[in-house]
Amino acid sequence: MFVPDKPIPAADAAYELKTQLISTRIYIVLLPVILGVLVIYKAEVFVITTVIIESPLYSTYLNLYKSYSESLSCPCTTIAIQQDQFINVDVRLHQVCSSDFISDRYFEFLSRSLLGNAIMTGQAHMELVASWCRFAKTTIINNMTSFYSLEWIAREVSSIDLLEKQVQSLVDWYTSSITSTFSHSLNINRVLISSNAIDTGFLTMASRVLRGGPPNIFVDVYMAVYANGTCSCGISTDCMEQVVIQDIFARFPPFPVPGLRIGCYIEEATLQSTLECYYNQACLENFHLNIHSTITFNATALDDSIAVHSQFNAISPISIIVAQMMVENWTVTTNHRAFFNNCKPAQCIYTYKDKEHMLIVITNIIEFIGGLTISLKILVPFFIKFVRSRFSRQQPVPIDGNSVTAYFLSGETLLS
């Protein structure tokens, strides 16, 4: 196989012949071994393939994401998307905010009470609750309008799960912020009233009695006392007690209204009150019976079945409800299709790893054989000559037939 390019002197013929013989044997061994290793390598190795899909549809994206979620990338051509295009936030307020107990009809019913006291009838309490409900609604509408007008920055299409988590996180932060602002506004009002000892029109802090006559008129101020006369508003503005209705006709025993409290400041008393009587139909009817209104009002108690699944219950202080901006829950809906359509990806790119097709492997091997045979024909004889020359320098032998034979049988049989 390895034929010399030019004639060889007779003295070197045996040496060259042996070199060619060894080279041929090594070539015959190396060629299939290298080809075998190459075939195994090409058959087992994974290749990375990049695929580009132009102008993908949403359905195409979903199918690609199912198969190539880890490598799929769909860059947006519109990176700023207005949030109202794909985000919707539904707010459910505490059921009292949509009940008859904050309606004008109910307040008219309470104001017609023969008791003539808006505190004892709970009118003052529920009017405050109504004002907080209105304030909460206004705050939510204004802030959510601002929220929807903000732009969502997206460099590529986010997955459904990731987008929902990101949106939920943003909404949680935003709603927490406006809830804190809402509570802070109410607290400022409470602090101003309390620190300045401002009396209310309900005379819950003190009563005034005029005595004398013109031109000498005197006003005697009597600070209100609560808790069976043990707490005076002149000493502490935190005085408070349960509302107890005394029947003006003395037909019924005193009626303590469950959860309804009265104190120096009606706002503080309302915050410390609960809505438990408004959740109980029997309690509510008894309450309305004792206030002796001159008009009728068919009231239905709040739904206690909702309270079971609510973050608030019947005995939750109103302050807890107000601290949450009267909100029962926020429901966030993310429209991923709308997000995708507004993102407008021009293409989707994904990569995958797979073994090469056997036909491609065979084609590559065939292409490789030509270069391999040429390389082996050049390198193998060169290597054999180099090795033999090294042995020749280490063990010089006479050039005769017997010596050559002994030489090959001793040191060079390893190459045979």
Protein backbone atom coordinates (compact mmCIF):
# COMPACT_ATOMS: atom_id res chain seq x y z
CA MET A 1 0.00 0.00 0.00
CA PHE A 2 2.82 2.39 0.86
CA VAL A 3 4.91 2.46 -2.34
CA PRO A 4 7.99 4.75 -2.38
CA ASP A 5 7.93 7.71 -4.74
CA LYS A 6 11.46 7.04 -6.11
CA PRO A 7 13.75 4.03 -6.53
CA ILE A 8 15.38 2.71 -3.36
CA PRO A 9 19.00 1.58 -3.25
CA ALA A 10 19.43 -2.17 -2.87
CA ALA A 11 21.12 -1.70 0.50
CA ASP A 12 17.98 -0.01 1.90
CA ALA A 13 15.42 -2.20 0.19
CA ALA A 14 14.88 -4.57 3.10
CA TYR A 15 14.56 -1.70 5.58
CA GLU A 16 12.04 0.15 3.39
CA LEU A 17 10.11 -3.01 2.72
CA LYS A 18 9.77 -3.67 6.42
CA THR A 19 8.73 -0.04 7.03
CA GLN A 20 6.03 -0.30 4.38
CA LEU A 21 4.82 -3.59 5.81
CA ILE A 22 4.55 -2.18 9.33
CA SER A 23 2.89 1.01 8.05
CA THR A 24 0.34 -1.03 6.11
CA ARG A 25 -0.54 -3.12 9.15
CA ILE A 26 -0.93 -0.06 11.38
CA TYR A 27 -2.96 1.71 8.70
CA ILE A 28 -5.30 -1.28 8.38
CA VAL A 29 -5.78 -1.28 12.15
CA LEU A 30 -6.10 2.48 12.65
CA LEU A 31 -8.52 3.20 9.82
CA PRO A 32 -11.45 1.06 11.08
CA VAL A 33 -10.68 1.94 14.70
CA ILE A 34 -10.82 5.69 14.01
CA LEU A 35 -13.88 5.28 11.83
CA GLY A 36 -15.58 3.19 14.52
CA VAL A 37 -14.82 5.75 17.22
CA LEU A 38 -16.06 8.53 14.97
CA VAL A 39 -19.28 6.67 14.18
CA ILE A 40 -19.95 6.06 17.88
CA TYR A 41 -19.17 9.69 18.72
CA LYS A 42 -21.35 11.10 15.96
CA ALA A 43 -24.19 8.74 16.88
CA GLU A 44 -24.11 9.59 20.60
CA VAL A 45 -23.21 13.26 20.68
CA PHE A 46 -25.99 15.84 21.01
CA VAL A 47 -26.05 18.80 18.67
CA ILE A 48 -27.68 22.15 19.49
CA THR A 49 -30.07 23.42 16.85
CA THR A 50 -31.46 26.97 16.76
CA VAL A 51 -34.85 27.52 15.15
CA ILE A 52 -36.42 30.88 14.28
CA ILE A 53 -40.18 31.22 13.76
CA GLU A 54 -41.17 34.42 11.98
CA SER A 55 -44.40 36.29 12.88
CA PRO A 56 -45.61 33.69 15.39
CA LEU A 57 -49.28 33.36 16.30
CA TYR A 58 -50.35 33.03 19.93
CA SER A 59 -51.30 29.39 19.39
CA THR A 60 -47.84 28.79 17.92
CA TYR A 61 -46.24 30.36 20.98
CA LEU A 62 -48.24 28.12 23.32
CA ASN A 63 -47.20 24.99 21.43
CA LEU A 64 -43.57 26.07 21.39
CA TYR A 65 -43.65 26.87 25.10
CA LYS A 66 -44.96 23.40 25.92
CA SER A 67 -41.97 21.81 24.19
CA TYR A 68 -39.16 24.37 24.53
CA SER A 69 -40.01 26.46 27.59
CA GLU A 70 -36.41 26.67 28.82
CA SER A 71 -34.93 28.12 25.65
CA LEU A 72 -37.89 29.87 24.02
CA SER A 73 -37.48 33.61 23.54
CA CYS A 74 -39.90 35.91 21.73
CA PRO A 75 -38.58 39.51 21.82
CA CYS A 76 -41.26 42.21 21.88
CA THR A 77 -41.41 44.85 19.19
CA THR A 78 -43.52 46.97 21.57
CA ILE A 79 -41.83 46.99 24.96
CA ALA A 80 -44.15 49.50 26.70
CA ILE A 81 -47.68 48.14 27.12
CA GLN A 82 -50.41 50.03 28.93
CA GLN A 83 -51.51 47.91 31.87
CA ASP A 84 -55.23 48.15 31.22
CA GLN A 85 -54.63 46.21 28.00
CA PHE A 86 -54.05 42.93 29.82
CA ILE A 87 -54.57 43.45 33.58
CA ASN A 88 -57.90 43.65 35.36
CA VAL A 89 -58.38 44.08 39.11
CA ASP A 90 -61.79 43.43 40.66
CA VAL A 91 -62.34 44.79 44.16
CA ARG A 92 -64.94 43.41 46.52
CA LEU A 93 -65.70 45.62 49.48
CA HIS A 94 -67.08 44.40 52.79
CA GLN A 95 -70.73 43.54 52.32
CA VAL A 96 -71.82 46.34 54.65
CA CYS A 97 -70.74 48.81 51.94
CA SER A 98 -73.41 47.44 49.61
CA SER A 99 -76.05 46.81 52.28
CA ASP A 100 -79.21 48.70 53.18
CA PHE A 101 -77.61 49.73 56.46
CA ILE A 102 -75.77 52.62 54.81
CA SER A 103 -78.67 53.72 52.63
CA ASP A 104 -80.61 56.95 52.99
CA ARG A 105 -83.78 54.94 53.63
CA TYR A 106 -82.18 53.31 56.66
CA PHE A 107 -80.89 56.60 58.01
CA GLU A 108 -84.39 58.05 57.61
CA PHE A 109 -85.76 55.10 59.55
CA LEU A 110 -83.27 55.68 62.39
CA SER A 111 -83.80 59.44 62.44
CA ARG A 112 -87.52 58.90 63.02
CA SER A 113 -86.77 57.10 66.29
CA LEU A 114 -88.64 58.35 69.33
CA LEU A 115 -85.38 58.06 71.26
CA GLY A 116 -84.21 61.21 69.52
CA ASN A 117 -80.60 60.12 69.92
CA ALA A 118 -78.50 59.26 66.89
CA ILE A 119 -75.94 57.54 69.11
CA MET A 120 -78.35 55.16 70.76
CA THR A 121 -79.95 54.20 67.46
CA GLY A 122 -76.58 53.52 65.82
CA GLN A 123 -77.27 56.15 63.18
CA ALA A 124 -74.07 58.04 63.89
CA HIS A 125 -72.08 54.82 63.73
CA MET A 126 -73.52 53.69 60.41
CA GLU A 127 -73.20 57.14 58.86
CA LEU A 128 -69.49 56.99 59.66
CA VAL A 129 -69.29 53.50 58.15
CA ALA A 130 -71.06 54.83 55.05
CA SER A 131 -68.56 57.69 54.77
CA TRP A 132 -65.65 55.25 55.02
CA CYS A 133 -67.21 53.08 52.32
CA ARG A 134 -67.58 56.09 50.03
CA PHE A 135 -64.03 57.23 50.75
CA ALA A 136 -62.74 53.73 50.05
CA LYS A 137 -64.60 53.53 46.73
CA THR A 138 -63.32 56.94 45.64
CA THR A 139 -59.77 56.07 46.66
CA ILE A 140 -59.88 52.77 44.80
CA ILE A 141 -61.36 54.26 41.62
CA ASN A 142 -58.84 57.10 41.48
CA ASN A 143 -55.83 54.92 42.22
CA MET A 144 -56.83 52.07 39.91
CA THR A 145 -57.34 54.58 37.11
CA SER A 146 -53.75 55.67 37.66
CA PHE A 147 -52.63 52.04 37.87
CA TYR A 148 -54.24 51.13 34.55
CA SER A 149 -52.63 54.11 32.84
CA LEU A 150 -49.13 52.97 33.79
CA GLU A 151 -47.01 51.13 31.23
CA TRP A 152 -45.68 47.62 31.65
CA ILE A 153 -42.14 47.24 30.32
CA ALA A 154 -41.55 43.90 28.62
CA ARG A 155 -38.53 43.04 26.48
CA GLU A 156 -39.90 39.63 25.58
CA VAL A 157 -43.02 37.54 26.01
CA SER A 158 -43.21 36.22 29.56
CA SER A 159 -44.72 32.82 30.22
CA ILE A 160 -48.25 32.62 31.59
CA ASP A 161 -47.09 31.60 35.06
CA LEU A 162 -44.33 34.19 35.23
CA LEU A 163 -46.56 37.01 33.99
CA GLU A 164 -49.26 36.15 36.52
CA LYS A 165 -46.73 36.11 39.36
CA GLN A 166 -45.23 39.43 38.26
CA VAL A 167 -48.65 41.08 37.92
CA GLN A 168 -49.84 39.69 41.25
CA SER A 169 -46.70 40.98 42.95
CA LEU A 170 -47.18 44.43 41.42
CA VAL A 171 -50.87 44.59 42.38
CA ASP A 172 -50.10 43.42 45.93
CA TRP A 173 -47.53 46.18 46.30
CA TYR A 174 -49.80 48.81 44.75
CA THR A 175 -52.89 47.92 46.79
CA SER A 176 -50.84 47.75 49.96
CA SER A 177 -49.56 51.24 49.22
CA ILE A 178 -53.00 52.79 48.66
CA THR A 179 -54.43 50.94 51.67
CA SER A 180 -51.70 52.41 53.85
CA THR A 181 -52.39 55.87 52.43
CA PHE A 182 -56.10 55.44 53.13
CA SER A 183 -55.50 54.43 56.75
CA HIS A 184 -52.94 57.20 57.20
CA SER A 185 -55.46 59.82 56.05
CA LEU A 186 -58.05 58.63 58.55
CA ASN A 187 -55.49 58.45 61.34
CA ILE A 188 -54.45 62.06 60.74
CA ASN A 189 -58.06 63.12 61.15
CA ARG A 190 -58.39 61.12 64.36
CA VAL A 191 -55.18 62.58 65.80
CA LEU A 192 -56.25 66.14 65.00
CA ILE A 193 -59.61 65.69 66.73
CA SER A 194 -58.13 63.92 69.73
CA SER A 195 -55.11 66.19 70.25
CA ASN A 196 -57.24 69.33 70.05
CA ALA A 197 -60.03 67.86 72.21
CA ILE A 198 -62.58 68.85 69.59
CA ASP A 199 -66.08 68.08 70.74
CA THR A 200 -68.61 66.56 68.40
CA GLY A 201 -72.16 67.59 67.66
CA PHE A 202 -73.38 64.43 69.36
CA LEU A 203 -72.41 65.71 72.84
CA THR A 204 -70.53 62.49 73.57
CA MET A 205 -67.60 64.38 75.10
CA ALA A 206 -69.46 66.87 77.29
CA SER A 207 -72.82 68.52 77.83
CA ARG A 208 -73.43 72.23 78.35
CA VAL A 209 -76.02 73.86 80.58
CA LEU A 210 -76.88 77.54 80.39
CA ARG A 211 -77.72 79.35 83.61
CA GLY A 212 -78.40 82.92 84.59
CA GLY A 213 -79.90 85.51 82.33
CA PRO A 214 -78.90 88.52 80.32
CA PRO A 215 -76.54 90.09 80.67
CA ASN A 216 -75.00 87.45 82.94
CA ILE A 217 -75.27 84.11 81.17
CA PHE A 218 -73.05 81.28 82.27
CA VAL A 219 -72.32 77.97 80.58
CA ASP A 220 -71.63 75.00 82.78
CA VAL A 221 -69.74 72.21 81.05
CA TYR A 222 -70.18 68.70 82.36
CA MET A 223 -67.71 66.15 81.00
CA ALA A 224 -69.31 62.89 80.01
CA VAL A 225 -68.59 59.82 82.10
CA TYR A 226 -68.68 56.20 80.98
CA ALA A 227 -68.11 52.70 82.34
CA ASN A 228 -70.60 53.13 85.17
CA GLY A 229 -69.20 56.52 86.12
CA THR A 230 -65.62 55.27 86.47
CA CYS A 231 -64.16 57.00 83.41
CA SER A 232 -64.45 60.72 82.64
CA CYS A 233 -63.73 62.28 79.26
CA GLY A 234 -62.18 65.16 81.19
CA ILE A 235 -59.43 62.80 82.27
CA SER A 236 -59.22 60.34 79.37
CA THR A 237 -60.70 60.52 75.90
CA ASP A 238 -60.51 56.72 75.65
CA CYS A 239 -63.57 56.21 77.84
CA MET A 240 -66.05 53.82 76.26
CA GLU A 241 -68.97 51.53 77.05
CA GLN A 242 -71.62 49.43 75.35
CA VAL A 243 -74.76 51.10 74.01
CA VAL A 244 -77.79 50.19 76.12
CA ILE A 245 -81.25 51.26 74.94
CA GLN A 246 -83.76 52.11 77.62
CA ASP A 247 -87.33 51.50 76.52
CA ILE A 248 -89.10 54.85 76.65
CA PHE A 249 -92.40 53.15 77.39
CA ALA A 250 -90.91 50.93 80.07
CA ARG A 251 -92.48 47.91 78.44
CA PHE A 252 -89.19 46.13 77.79
CA PRO A 253 -86.05 45.66 79.86
CA PRO A 254 -82.93 47.62 78.86
CA PHE A 255 -81.48 46.29 75.59
CA PRO A 256 -77.65 46.17 75.36
CA VAL A 257 -76.87 46.35 71.64
CA PRO A 258 -74.22 43.68 70.93
CA GLY A 259 -71.05 45.18 69.48
CA LEU A 260 -72.26 48.79 69.51
CA ARG A 261 -70.15 51.12 71.63
CA ILE A 262 -70.32 54.74 72.75
CA GLY A 263 -67.48 56.93 74.00
CA CYS A 264 -65.96 60.39 74.15
CA TYR A 265 -65.44 60.44 70.40
CA ILE A 266 -68.02 58.81 68.18
CA GLU A 267 -65.37 57.96 65.58
CA GLU A 268 -63.27 56.06 68.10
CA ALA A 269 -66.35 54.35 69.51
CA THR A 270 -67.41 53.28 66.02
CA LEU A 271 -63.96 51.90 65.23
CA GLN A 272 -64.08 49.81 68.40
CA SER A 273 -67.61 48.62 67.64
CA THR A 274 -68.49 45.47 65.71
CA LEU A 275 -71.25 44.60 63.27
CA GLU A 276 -72.30 41.45 65.11
CA CYS A 277 -75.89 42.58 65.70
CA TYR A 278 -76.21 43.40 61.99
CA TYR A 279 -75.30 39.78 61.18
CA ASN A 280 -78.05 38.38 63.43
CA GLN A 281 -81.62 38.73 62.22
CA ALA A 282 -83.15 38.24 65.68
CA CYS A 283 -80.80 40.80 67.25
CA LEU A 284 -81.49 43.25 64.45
CA GLU A 285 -85.26 42.97 64.80
CA ASN A 286 -85.05 43.41 68.56
CA PHE A 287 -82.79 46.42 68.11
CA HIS A 288 -85.17 48.06 65.65
CA LEU A 289 -88.11 47.31 67.90
CA ASN A 290 -86.48 49.11 70.82
CA ILE A 291 -85.72 52.33 68.95
CA HIS A 292 -89.43 52.93 68.25
CA SER A 293 -89.20 54.47 64.79
CA THR A 294 -92.31 56.08 63.40
CA ILE A 295 -91.73 54.47 60.00
CA THR A 296 -91.04 50.88 59.04
CA PHE A 297 -87.96 49.37 57.49
CA ASN A 298 -87.67 45.75 56.41
CA ALA A 299 -84.07 44.97 57.17
CA THR A 300 -82.27 41.77 56.26
CA ALA A 301 -79.21 40.88 58.32
CA LEU A 302 -75.79 40.66 56.71
CA ASP A 303 -74.98 37.25 55.24
CA ASP A 304 -73.07 35.35 57.90
CA SER A 305 -72.24 32.58 55.39
CA ILE A 306 -70.06 35.10 53.57
CA ALA A 307 -68.34 35.95 56.84
CA VAL A 308 -67.29 32.31 57.21
CA HIS A 309 -65.14 32.61 54.07
CA SER A 310 -64.17 36.21 54.70
CA GLN A 311 -61.02 37.67 56.20
CA PHE A 312 -63.42 39.44 58.58
CA ASN A 313 -65.99 37.88 60.87
CA ALA A 314 -69.07 39.14 62.68
CA ILE A 315 -67.09 40.20 65.75
CA SER A 316 -64.20 41.86 63.89
CA PRO A 317 -63.80 45.44 65.15
CA ILE A 318 -64.71 47.96 62.50
CA SER A 319 -61.19 49.35 62.89
CA ILE A 320 -59.84 46.11 61.37
CA ILE A 321 -62.16 46.48 58.38
CA VAL A 322 -61.24 50.15 57.93
CA ALA A 323 -57.53 49.30 58.15
CA GLN A 324 -58.05 47.16 55.02
CA MET A 325 -59.80 50.06 53.26
CA MET A 326 -63.10 48.20 53.66
CA VAL A 327 -61.81 45.72 51.06
CA GLU A 328 -62.78 42.07 51.34
CA ASN A 329 -60.45 40.94 48.57
CA TRP A 330 -58.68 41.93 45.37
CA THR A 331 -59.05 39.60 42.39
CA VAL A 332 -56.39 39.97 39.73
CA THR A 333 -56.96 38.69 36.20
CA THR A 334 -54.15 38.61 33.65
CA ASN A 335 -54.96 38.20 29.96
CA HIS A 336 -51.85 36.55 28.54
CA ARG A 337 -53.18 36.50 24.96
CA ALA A 338 -53.75 40.28 25.11
CA PHE A 339 -50.25 40.70 26.55
CA PHE A 340 -48.81 38.66 23.67
CA ASN A 341 -50.77 40.59 21.04
CA ASN A 342 -49.67 43.95 22.47
CA CYS A 343 -46.08 42.77 22.76
CA LYS A 344 -46.17 41.93 19.02
CA PRO A 345 -43.15 39.61 18.79
CA ALA A 346 -41.70 39.58 15.27
CA GLN A 347 -40.16 36.17 15.82
CA CYS A 348 -39.68 33.41 18.34
CA ILE A 349 -36.33 31.74 18.78
CA TYR A 350 -35.70 28.44 20.49
CA THR A 351 -32.91 25.88 20.68
CA TYR A 352 -32.98 22.18 21.30
CA LYS A 353 -30.48 19.36 21.72
CA ASP A 354 -30.85 16.13 19.79
CA LYS A 355 -28.80 13.33 18.27
CA GLU A 356 -27.89 13.71 14.62
CA HIS A 357 -29.88 11.74 12.08
CA MET A 358 -28.13 8.54 11.01
CA LEU A 359 -28.18 9.62 7.36
CA ILE A 360 -26.28 12.79 8.31
CA VAL A 361 -23.85 10.72 10.37
CA ILE A 362 -23.17 8.39 7.43
CA THR A 363 -22.74 11.34 5.06
CA ASN A 364 -20.26 12.97 7.43
CA ILE A 365 -18.33 9.70 7.79
CA ILE A 366 -18.10 9.29 4.02
CA GLU A 367 -16.83 12.86 3.70
CA PHE A 368 -14.36 12.23 6.51
CA ILE A 369 -12.95 9.00 5.05
CA GLY A 370 -11.19 10.76 2.19
CA GLY A 371 -9.28 13.12 4.43
CA LEU A 372 -8.59 10.38 6.97
CA THR A 373 -7.03 8.01 4.44
CA ILE A 374 -4.79 10.75 3.08
CA SER A 375 -3.76 11.80 6.58
CA LEU A 376 -2.98 8.22 7.62
CA LYS A 377 -0.98 7.59 4.45
CA ILE A 378 1.17 10.58 5.28
CA LEU A 379 1.41 10.30 9.05
CA VAL A 380 1.74 6.53 9.56
CA PRO A 381 4.89 6.02 7.42
CA PHE A 382 6.40 9.15 8.89
CA PHE A 383 5.73 7.89 12.42
CA ILE A 384 7.08 4.39 11.66
CA LYS A 385 10.24 5.79 10.09
CA PHE A 386 10.73 8.06 13.08
CA VAL A 387 10.34 5.20 15.56
CA ARG A 388 12.57 2.87 13.59
CA SER A 389 15.23 5.53 13.26
CA ARG A 390 15.18 5.95 17.04
CA PHE A 391 15.67 2.20 17.49
CA SER A 392 18.39 2.20 14.86
CA ARG A 393 20.39 4.84 16.75
CA GLN A 394 20.02 3.02 20.05
CA GLN A 395 20.89 -0.43 18.64
CA PRO A 396 23.17 -0.12 15.60
CA VAL A 397 23.42 -3.40 13.72
CA PRO A 398 25.42 -4.48 10.68
CA ILE A 399 23.59 -4.37 7.41
CA ASP A 400 23.47 -8.03 6.41
CA GLY A 401 20.69 -10.53 6.07
CA ASN A 402 21.17 -12.31 9.42
CA SER A 403 21.55 -9.06 11.37
CA VAL A 404 18.41 -7.55 9.82
CA THR A 405 16.45 -10.65 10.66
CA ALA A 406 17.70 -10.57 14.27
CA TYR A 407 16.93 -6.89 14.50
CA PHE A 408 13.32 -7.34 13.46
CA LEU A 409 12.84 -10.31 15.76
CA SER A 410 14.17 -8.45 18.79
CA GLY A 411 13.35 -4.77 19.12
CA GLU A 412 10.85 -4.21 16.34
CA THR A 413 8.50 -7.11 16.80
CA LEU A 414 6.43 -4.72 18.92
CA LEU A 415 5.51 -2.88 15.74
CA SER A 416 4.62 -6.00 13.80
